[in-house]
Structures are given as C-alpha cells and as structure tokens.
PDB file of N, CA and C in Angstrom:
ATOM      1  N   MET A   1       0.867  -1.193  -0.104  1.00  0.00           N
ATOM      2  CA  MET A   1       0.109  -0.072  -0.085  1.00  0.00           C
ATOM      3  C   MET A   1       0.838   1.229   0.044  1.00  0.00           C
ATOM      4  N   THR A   2       0.501   2.097  -0.832  1.00  0.00           N
ATOM      5  CA  THR A   2       1.411   3.478  -0.876  1.00  0.00           C
ATOM      6  C   THR A   2       1.012   4.361   0.135  1.00  0.00           C
ATOM      7  N   LEU A   3       1.718   5.316   0.381  1.00  0.00           N
ATOM      8  CA  LEU A   3       1.584   6.111   1.392  1.00  0.00           C
ATOM      9  C   LEU A   3       0.296   7.063   1.371  1.00  0.00           C
ATOM     10  N   MET A   4       0.119   7.469   0.173  1.00  0.00           N
ATOM     11  CA  MET A   4      -1.286   8.064  -0.123  1.00  0.00           C
ATOM     12  C   MET A   4      -2.593   7.211   0.227  1.00  0.00           C
ATOM     13  N   GLU A   5      -2.400   5.976  -0.240  1.00  0.00           N
ATOM     14  CA  GLU A   5      -3.432   5.016   0.005  1.00  0.00           C
ATOM     15  C   GLU A   5      -3.599   4.850   1.645  1.00  0.00           C
ATOM     16  N   GLU A   6      -2.544   4.854   2.297  1.00  0.00           N
ATOM     17  CA  GLU A   6      -2.600   4.630   3.635  1.00  0.00           C
ATOM     18  C   GLU A   6      -3.214   5.889   4.596  1.00  0.00           C
ATOM     19  N   ILE A   7      -2.760   7.107   3.931  1.00  0.00           N
ATOM     20  CA  ILE A   7      -3.498   8.314   4.385  1.00  0.00           C
ATOM     21  C   ILE A   7      -4.930   8.234   3.959  1.00  0.00           C
ATOM     22  N   GLU A   8      -5.304   7.820   3.029  1.00  0.00           N
ATOM     23  CA  GLU A   8      -6.863   7.780   2.664  1.00  0.00           C
ATOM     24  C   GLU A   8      -7.463   6.940   3.488  1.00  0.00           C
ATOM     25  N   VAL A   9      -7.066   5.620   3.709  1.00  0.00           N
ATOM     26  CA  VAL A   9      -7.619   4.698   4.753  1.00  0.00           C
ATOM     27  C   VAL A   9      -7.782   5.457   6.028  1.00  0.00           C
ATOM     28  N   GLN A  10      -6.768   5.853   6.536  1.00  0.00           N
ATOM     29  CA  GLN A  10      -6.712   6.496   7.811  1.00  0.00           C
ATOM     30  C   GLN A  10      -7.783   7.756   7.956  1.00  0.00           C
ATOM     31  N   LEU A  11      -7.587   8.564   7.047  1.00  0.00           N
ATOM     32  CA  LEU A  11      -8.623   9.519   6.799  1.00  0.00           C
ATOM     33  C   LEU A  11      -9.994   9.339   6.838  1.00  0.00           C
ATOM     34  N   ASN A  12     -10.300   8.257   6.158  1.00  0.00           N
ATOM     35  CA  ASN A  12     -11.609   7.570   5.929  1.00  0.00           C
ATOM     36  C   ASN A  12     -12.142   7.017   7.321  1.00  0.00           C
ATOM     37  N   ARG A  13     -11.237   6.614   8.114  1.00  0.00           N
ATOM     38  CA  ARG A  13     -11.778   6.195   9.595  1.00  0.00           C
ATOM     39  C   ARG A  13     -12.167   7.348  10.561  1.00  0.00           C
ATOM     40  N   LEU A  14     -11.766   8.521  10.177  1.00  0.00           N
ATOM     41  CA  LEU A  14     -12.117   9.635  11.157  1.00  0.00           C
ATOM     42  C   LEU A  14     -13.326  10.078  10.866  1.00  0.00           C
ATOM     43  N   PRO A  15     -14.038  10.643  11.923  1.00  0.00           N
ATOM     44  CA  PRO A  15     -15.283  11.373  11.767  1.00  0.00           C
ATOM     45  C   PRO A  15     -15.072  12.710  10.828  1.00  0.00           C
ATOM     46  N   PRO A  16     -16.114  13.229  10.161  1.00  0.00           N
ATOM     47  CA  PRO A  16     -15.999  14.418   9.218  1.00  0.00           C
ATOM     48  C   PRO A  16     -15.195  15.671   9.943  1.00  0.00           C
ATOM     49  N   GLU A  17     -15.645  15.952  11.339  1.00  0.00           N
ATOM     50  CA  GLU A  17     -15.046  17.181  12.091  1.00  0.00           C
ATOM     51  C   GLU A  17     -13.408  16.960  12.228  1.00  0.00           C
ATOM     52  N   LYS A  18     -12.922  15.810  12.293  1.00  0.00           N
ATOM     53  CA  LYS A  18     -11.465  15.423  12.455  1.00  0.00           C
ATOM     54  C   LYS A  18     -11.040  15.561  11.179  1.00  0.00           C
ATOM     55  N   GLN A  19     -11.606  15.175   9.962  1.00  0.00           N
ATOM     56  CA  GLN A  19     -11.222  15.232   8.613  1.00  0.00           C
ATOM     57  C   GLN A  19     -10.900  16.659   8.270  1.00  0.00           C
ATOM     58  N   SER A  20     -11.849  17.680   8.773  1.00  0.00           N
ATOM     59  CA  SER A  20     -11.775  18.948   8.558  1.00  0.00           C
ATOM     60  C   SER A  20     -10.519  19.476   9.183  1.00  0.00           C
ATOM     61  N   GLU A  21     -10.168  18.913  10.479  1.00  0.00           N
ATOM     62  CA  GLU A  21      -8.901  19.380  10.994  1.00  0.00           C
ATOM     63  C   GLU A  21      -7.741  18.873  10.338  1.00  0.00           C
ATOM     64  N   VAL A  22      -7.730  17.646   9.889  1.00  0.00           N
ATOM     65  CA  VAL A  22      -6.683  17.061   8.929  1.00  0.00           C
ATOM     66  C   VAL A  22      -6.515  18.068   7.736  1.00  0.00           C
ATOM     67  N   LEU A  23      -7.359  18.524   7.015  1.00  0.00           N
ATOM     68  CA  LEU A  23      -7.375  19.552   5.906  1.00  0.00           C
ATOM     69  C   LEU A  23      -6.698  20.648   6.662  1.00  0.00           C
ATOM     70  N   ASP A  24      -7.139  21.242   7.666  1.00  0.00           N
ATOM     71  CA  ASP A  24      -6.583  22.466   8.061  1.00  0.00           C
ATOM     72  C   ASP A  24      -5.143  22.298   8.475  1.00  0.00           C
ATOM     73  N   PHE A  25      -4.623  21.153   8.882  1.00  0.00           N
ATOM     74  CA  PHE A  25      -3.212  21.035   9.210  1.00  0.00           C
ATOM     75  C   PHE A  25      -2.481  20.849   7.823  1.00  0.00           C
ATOM     76  N   ILE A  26      -3.100  20.199   6.772  1.00  0.00           N
ATOM     77  CA  ILE A  26      -2.250  20.152   5.592  1.00  0.00           C
ATOM     78  C   ILE A  26      -2.209  21.649   5.045  1.00  0.00           C
ATOM     79  N   THR A  27      -3.235  22.511   5.175  1.00  0.00           N
ATOM     80  CA  THR A  27      -3.132  23.946   4.517  1.00  0.00           C
ATOM     81  C   THR A  27      -2.110  24.635   5.466  1.00  0.00           C
ATOM     82  N   PHE A  28      -1.849  24.293   6.883  1.00  0.00           N
ATOM     83  CA  PHE A  28      -0.731  24.875   7.617  1.00  0.00           C
ATOM     84  C   PHE A  28       0.433  24.438   7.255  1.00  0.00           C
ATOM     85  N   LEU A  29       0.640  23.296   6.899  1.00  0.00           N
ATOM     86  CA  LEU A  29       2.152  22.735   6.399  1.00  0.00           C
ATOM     87  C   LEU A  29       2.420  23.293   5.087  1.00  0.00           C
ATOM     88  N   GLN A  30       1.421  23.449   3.995  1.00  0.00           N
ATOM     89  CA  GLN A  30       1.706  24.085   2.847  1.00  0.00           C
ATOM     90  C   GLN A  30       2.313  25.525   3.026  1.00  0.00           C
ATOM     91  N   GLY A  31       1.544  26.180   4.023  1.00  0.00           N
ATOM     92  CA  GLY A  31       2.121  27.621   4.163  1.00  0.00           C
ATOM     93  C   GLY A  31       3.514  27.489   4.576  1.00  0.00           C
ATOM     94  N   ARG A  32       3.852  26.437   5.511  1.00  0.00           N
ATOM     95  CA  ARG A  32       5.133  26.558   6.091  1.00  0.00           C
ATOM     96  C   ARG A  32       6.280  26.213   4.897  1.00  0.00           C
ATOM     97  N   VAL A  33       5.762  25.380   4.090  1.00  0.00           N
ATOM     98  CA  VAL A  33       6.741  25.096   3.048  1.00  0.00           C
ATOM     99  C   VAL A  33       6.828  26.291   2.176  1.00  0.00           C
ATOM    100  N   ARG A  34       5.742  27.001   1.735  1.00  0.00           N
ATOM    101  CA  ARG A  34       5.841  28.142   0.897  1.00  0.00           C
ATOM    102  C   ARG A  34       6.787  29.154   1.569  1.00  0.00           C
ATOM    103  N   SER A  35       6.726  29.311   2.779  1.00  0.00           N
ATOM    104  CA  SER A  35       7.621  30.287   3.561  1.00  0.00           C
ATOM    105  C   SER A  35       8.784  29.869   3.843  1.00  0.00           C
ATOM    106  N   ALA A  36       9.235  28.770   3.539  1.00  0.00           N
ATOM    107  CA  ALA A  36      10.544  28.197   3.836  1.00  0.00           C
ATOM    108  C   ALA A  36      11.826  28.589   2.924  1.00  0.00           C
ATOM    109  N   SER A  37      11.301  29.364   1.928  1.00  0.00           N
ATOM    110  CA  SER A  37      12.437  29.797   0.913  1.00  0.00           C
ATOM    111  C   SER A  37      12.418  31.395   1.024  1.00  0.00           C
ATOM    112  N   PRO A  38      13.174  31.839   2.383  1.00  0.00           N
ATOM    113  CA  PRO A  38      13.345  33.256   2.560  1.00  0.00           C
ATOM    114  C   PRO A  38      14.161  33.999   1.603  1.00  0.00           C
ATOM    115  N   VAL A  39      14.862  33.242   0.821  1.00  0.00           N
ATOM    116  CA  VAL A  39      15.717  33.722  -0.212  1.00  0.00           C
ATOM    117  C   VAL A  39      14.847  34.504  -1.273  1.00  0.00           C
ATOM    118  N   SER A  40      13.993  33.707  -1.590  1.00  0.00           N
ATOM    119  CA  SER A  40      13.188  34.302  -2.762  1.00  0.00           C
ATOM    120  C   SER A  40      12.374  35.436  -2.145  1.00  0.00           C
ATOM    121  N   VAL A  41      11.857  35.412  -0.902  1.00  0.00           N
ATOM    122  CA  VAL A  41      11.268  36.428  -0.380  1.00  0.00           C
ATOM    123  C   VAL A  41      12.054  37.751  -0.385  1.00  0.00           C
ATOM    124  N   GLU A  42      13.334  37.664   0.260  1.00  0.00           N
ATOM    125  CA  GLU A  42      14.269  38.637   0.228  1.00  0.00           C
ATOM    126  C   GLU A  42      14.830  39.230  -1.164  1.00  0.00           C
ATOM    127  N   VAL A  43      14.708  38.347  -2.187  1.00  0.00           N
ATOM    128  CA  VAL A  43      14.907  38.860  -3.532  1.00  0.00           C
ATOM    129  C   VAL A  43      14.013  39.647  -4.017  1.00  0.00           C
ATOM    130  N   GLU A  44      12.646  39.150  -3.873  1.00  0.00           N
ATOM    131  CA  GLU A  44      11.520  40.015  -4.334  1.00  0.00           C
ATOM    132  C   GLU A  44      11.546  41.415  -3.599  1.00  0.00           C
ATOM    133  N   ARG A  45      11.637  41.170  -2.289  1.00  0.00           N
ATOM    134  CA  ARG A  45      11.480  42.512  -1.498  1.00  0.00           C
ATOM    135  C   ARG A  45      12.642  43.496  -1.997  1.00  0.00           C
ATOM    136  N   GLY A  46      13.799  42.986  -2.432  1.00  0.00           N
ATOM    137  CA  GLY A  46      14.961  43.702  -2.965  1.00  0.00           C
ATOM    138  C   GLY A  46      14.518  44.447  -4.045  1.00  0.00           C
ATOM    139  N   LYS A  47      13.984  43.650  -5.076  1.00  0.00           N
ATOM    140  CA  LYS A  47      13.470  44.184  -6.201  1.00  0.00           C
ATOM    141  C   LYS A  47      12.505  45.298  -6.056  1.00  0.00           C
ATOM    142  N   ARG A  48      11.535  45.113  -5.142  1.00  0.00           N
ATOM    143  CA  ARG A  48      10.534  46.210  -4.904  1.00  0.00           C
ATOM    144  C   ARG A  48      11.238  47.541  -4.396  1.00  0.00           C
ATOM    145  N   ILE A  49      12.151  47.256  -3.516  1.00  0.00           N
ATOM    146  CA  ILE A  49      12.778  48.596  -2.821  1.00  0.00           C
ATOM    147  C   ILE A  49      13.681  49.154  -4.074  1.00  0.00           C
ATOM    148  N   LYS A  50      14.335  48.405  -4.839  1.00  0.00           N
ATOM    149  CA  LYS A  50      15.026  49.001  -5.734  1.00  0.00           C
ATOM    150  C   LYS A  50      14.154  49.888  -6.591  1.00  0.00           C
ATOM    151  N   ALA A  51      12.994  49.262  -7.167  1.00  0.00           N
ATOM    152  CA  ALA A  51      11.823  49.865  -7.880  1.00  0.00           C
ATOM    153  C   ALA A  51      11.566  51.473  -7.204  1.00  0.00           C
ATOM    154  N   ALA A  52      11.281  51.197  -5.994  1.00  0.00           N
ATOM    155  CA  ALA A  52      10.850  52.286  -5.486  1.00  0.00           C
ATOM    156  C   ALA A  52      11.741  53.540  -5.278  1.00  0.00           C
ATOM    157  N   LEU A  53      13.045  53.157  -4.994  1.00  0.00           N
ATOM    158  CA  LEU A  53      14.162  54.282  -5.102  1.00  0.00           C
ATOM    159  C   LEU A  53      14.530  54.743  -6.444  1.00  0.00           C
ATOM    160  N   LEU A  54      14.403  53.878  -7.247  1.00  0.00           N
ATOM    161  CA  LEU A  54      14.474  54.353  -8.813  1.00  0.00           C
ATOM    162  C   LEU A  54      13.429  55.450  -9.081  1.00  0.00           C
ATOM    163  N   LYS A  55      12.094  55.070  -8.681  1.00  0.00           N
ATOM    164  CA  LYS A  55      11.146  56.113  -8.966  1.00  0.00           C
ATOM    165  C   LYS A  55      11.300  57.260  -8.070  1.00  0.00           C
ATOM    166  N   LEU A  56      11.767  57.265  -7.025  1.00  0.00           N
ATOM    167  CA  LEU A  56      12.195  58.542  -6.077  1.00  0.00           C
ATOM    168  C   LEU A  56      13.098  59.351  -6.973  1.00  0.00           C
ATOM    169  N   ALA A  57      14.259  58.653  -7.452  1.00  0.00           N
ATOM    170  CA  ALA A  57      15.209  59.326  -8.061  1.00  0.00           C
ATOM    171  C   ALA A  57      14.700  59.987  -9.363  1.00  0.00           C
ATOM    172  N   ASP A  58      13.854  59.356 -10.091  1.00  0.00           N
ATOM    173  CA  ASP A  58      13.119  59.875 -11.194  1.00  0.00           C
ATOM    174  C   ASP A  58      12.394  61.115 -11.003  1.00  0.00           C
ATOM    175  N   LEU A  59      11.535  61.049  -9.995  1.00  0.00           N
ATOM    176  CA  LEU A  59      10.938  62.196  -9.456  1.00  0.00           C
ATOM    177  C   LEU A  59      11.702  63.278  -8.579  1.00  0.00           C
ATOM    178  N   LYS A  60      12.790  62.955  -8.610  1.00  0.00           N
ATOM    179  CA  LYS A  60      13.952  63.928  -7.922  1.00  0.00           C
ATOM    180  C   LYS A  60      13.195  64.626  -6.552  1.00  0.00           C
ATOM    181  N   VAL A  61      12.734  63.573  -5.681  1.00  0.00           N
ATOM    182  CA  VAL A  61      12.064  63.877  -4.578  1.00  0.00           C
ATOM    183  C   VAL A  61      13.023  64.752  -3.560  1.00  0.00           C
ATOM    184  N   PHE A  62      14.284  64.259  -3.504  1.00  0.00           N
ATOM    185  CA  PHE A  62      15.361  64.973  -2.675  1.00  0.00           C
ATOM    186  C   PHE A  62      16.199  65.989  -3.192  1.00  0.00           C
ATOM    187  N   SER A  63      15.983  66.455  -4.264  1.00  0.00           N
ATOM    188  CA  SER A  63      16.835  67.284  -5.174  1.00  0.00           C
ATOM    189  C   SER A  63      16.986  68.723  -4.226  1.00  0.00           C
ATOM    190  N   ASN A  64      16.061  68.976  -3.534  1.00  0.00           N
ATOM    191  CA  ASN A  64      16.252  70.190  -2.698  1.00  0.00           C
ATOM    192  C   ASN A  64      17.064  70.232  -1.409  1.00  0.00           C
ATOM    193  N   ILE A  65      17.461  68.966  -1.171  1.00  0.00           N
ATOM    194  CA  ILE A  65      18.339  68.864  -0.157  1.00  0.00           C
ATOM    195  C   ILE A  65      19.654  69.221  -0.769  1.00  0.00           C
ATOM    196  N   LYS A  66      20.432  70.084  -0.114  1.00  0.00           N
ATOM    197  CA  LYS A  66      21.855  70.458  -0.316  1.00  0.00           C
ATOM    198  C   LYS A  66      22.807  69.740   0.566  1.00  0.00           C
ATOM    199  N   ASP A  67      22.604  69.474   1.902  1.00  0.00           N
ATOM    200  CA  ASP A  67      23.706  68.770   2.671  1.00  0.00           C
ATOM    201  C   ASP A  67      22.701  67.886   3.461  1.00  0.00           C
ATOM    202  N   PRO A  68      22.992  66.658   2.918  1.00  0.00           N
ATOM    203  CA  PRO A  68      22.008  65.396   3.550  1.00  0.00           C
ATOM    204  C   PRO A  68      22.504  65.126   5.098  1.00  0.00           C
ATOM    205  N   VAL A  69      23.602  65.306   5.423  1.00  0.00           N
ATOM    206  CA  VAL A  69      23.959  65.371   6.846  1.00  0.00           C
ATOM    207  C   VAL A  69      23.222  66.179   7.701  1.00  0.00           C
ATOM    208  N   GLU A  70      23.296  67.523   7.191  1.00  0.00           N
ATOM    209  CA  GLU A  70      22.539  68.606   8.003  1.00  0.00           C
ATOM    210  C   GLU A  70      20.971  68.274   8.085  1.00  0.00           C
ATOM    211  N   TRP A  71      20.626  67.880   6.737  1.00  0.00           N
ATOM    212  CA  TRP A  71      19.015  67.512   6.752  1.00  0.00           C
ATOM    213  C   TRP A  71      18.722  66.389   7.651  1.00  0.00           C
ATOM    214  N   GLN A  72      19.536  65.323   7.745  1.00  0.00           N
ATOM    215  CA  GLN A  72      19.187  64.241   8.694  1.00  0.00           C
ATOM    216  C   GLN A  72      19.297  64.811  10.084  1.00  0.00           C
ATOM    217  N   ARG A  73      20.243  65.610  10.499  1.00  0.00           N
ATOM    218  CA  ARG A  73      20.271  66.385  11.904  1.00  0.00           C
ATOM    219  C   ARG A  73      19.093  66.921  12.249  1.00  0.00           C
ATOM    220  N   GLN A  74      18.444  67.739  11.253  1.00  0.00           N
ATOM    221  CA  GLN A  74      17.353  68.504  11.589  1.00  0.00           C
ATOM    222  C   GLN A  74      16.100  67.562  11.754  1.00  0.00           C
ATOM    223  N   ILE A  75      15.966  66.582  10.737  1.00  0.00           N
ATOM    224  CA  ILE A  75      14.856  65.582  10.807  1.00  0.00           C
ATOM    225  C   ILE A  75      14.831  64.761  11.976  1.00  0.00           C
ATOM    226  N   ARG A  76      15.980  64.426  12.474  1.00  0.00           N
ATOM    227  CA  ARG A  76      16.188  63.463  13.689  1.00  0.00           C
ATOM    228  C   ARG A  76      16.021  64.347  15.064  1.00  0.00           C
ATOM    229  N   LYS A  77      16.430  65.563  14.817  1.00  0.00           N
ATOM    230  CA  LYS A  77      16.583  66.304  16.196  1.00  0.00           C
ATOM    231  C   LYS A  77      17.436  65.717  17.116  1.00  0.00           C
ATOM    232  N   ASP A  78      18.682  65.450  16.344  1.00  0.00           N
ATOM    233  CA  ASP A  78      19.668  64.672  17.095  1.00  0.00           C
ATOM    234  C   ASP A  78      20.058  65.259  18.811  1.00  0.00           C
ATOM    235  N   ARG A  79      20.111  64.389  19.597  1.00  0.00           N
ATOM    236  CA  ARG A  79      20.233  64.771  20.969  1.00  0.00           C
ATOM    237  C   ARG A  79      21.178  63.854  21.652  1.00  0.00           C
ATOM    238  N   ASN A  80      21.861  64.330  22.688  1.00  0.00           N
ATOM    239  CA  ASN A  80      22.747  63.461  23.400  1.00  0.00           C
ATOM    240  C   ASN A  80      21.987  62.337  23.916  1.00  0.00           C
ATOM    241  N   LEU A  81      22.509  61.131  23.948  1.00  0.00           N
ATOM    242  CA  LEU A  81      22.050  60.138  24.446  1.00  0.00           C
ATOM    243  C   LEU A  81      22.273  59.836  25.931  1.00  0.00           C
ATOM    244  N   PRO A  82      21.532  59.258  26.652  1.00  0.00           N
ATOM    245  CA  PRO A  82      22.007  59.030  28.277  1.00  0.00           C
ATOM    246  C   PRO A  82      23.119  58.051  28.202  1.00  0.00           C
ATOM    247  N   GLY A  83      24.142  58.426  28.991  1.00  0.00           N
ATOM    248  CA  GLY A  83      25.286  57.537  29.235  1.00  0.00           C
ATOM    249  C   GLY A  83      26.303  57.609  28.213  1.00  0.00           C
ATOM    250  N   ARG A  84      25.844  58.493  27.207  1.00  0.00           N
ATOM    251  CA  ARG A  84      27.080  58.709  26.221  1.00  0.00           C
ATOM    252  C   ARG A  84      27.773  60.032  26.156  1.00  0.00           C
ATOM    253  N   ALA A  85      29.046  60.263  25.769  1.00  0.00           N
ATOM    254  CA  ALA A  85      29.549  61.370  25.639  1.00  0.00           C
ATOM    255  C   ALA A  85      28.973  62.236  24.618  1.00  0.00           C
ATOM    256  N   ALA A  86      29.059  63.702  24.807  1.00  0.00           N
ATOM    257  CA  ALA A  86      28.462  64.478  23.748  1.00  0.00           C
ATOM    258  C   ALA A  86      29.376  64.607  22.421  1.00  0.00           C
TER     259      ALA A  86
END
C-alpha cells in the first residue's frame, strides 16, 4: 500500500470534523513550505525596494536637499543619548 493510500484509509476512519482538522493541518503545512524559501522572499523585497528608489530618483524627490547630513540632523533632532559622551 502506498503512502497516499494509507493516508486515505486512515482519513476515512475519522469522523468528518476530524477530517476537517486534517485538511486545516495540511493547509498549515503547505504555508510553512511556501515560507521556507526566505531567499526568494528577500530577492523579491529587494526588487521592490530598488524599483521604489529608482522612482524616487526619477521624481527628484530629494533634489532640494543640499547637505544630506545637516538635513538628517534636523529631521532626527539629534540629542545626546543618556550615558554617552556628547
């Protein structure tokens, strides 16, 4: 008897509500398998970030910023951190 046949026999022995739980578990396992390839997820994320940055560059969103370091200081409102030298 093949594995699939054995699964079918065992599944048929269960009441319908337990068969539904088995299906839920199979769906859960499939989701884990899909998310088990973080490399492809990261590659896709990188592509989306690159596209967004290229679009910002095309729109010249930050062209009015003359000194990026000074701009960052103003935005962040830099302050001395507790326990660190100024």
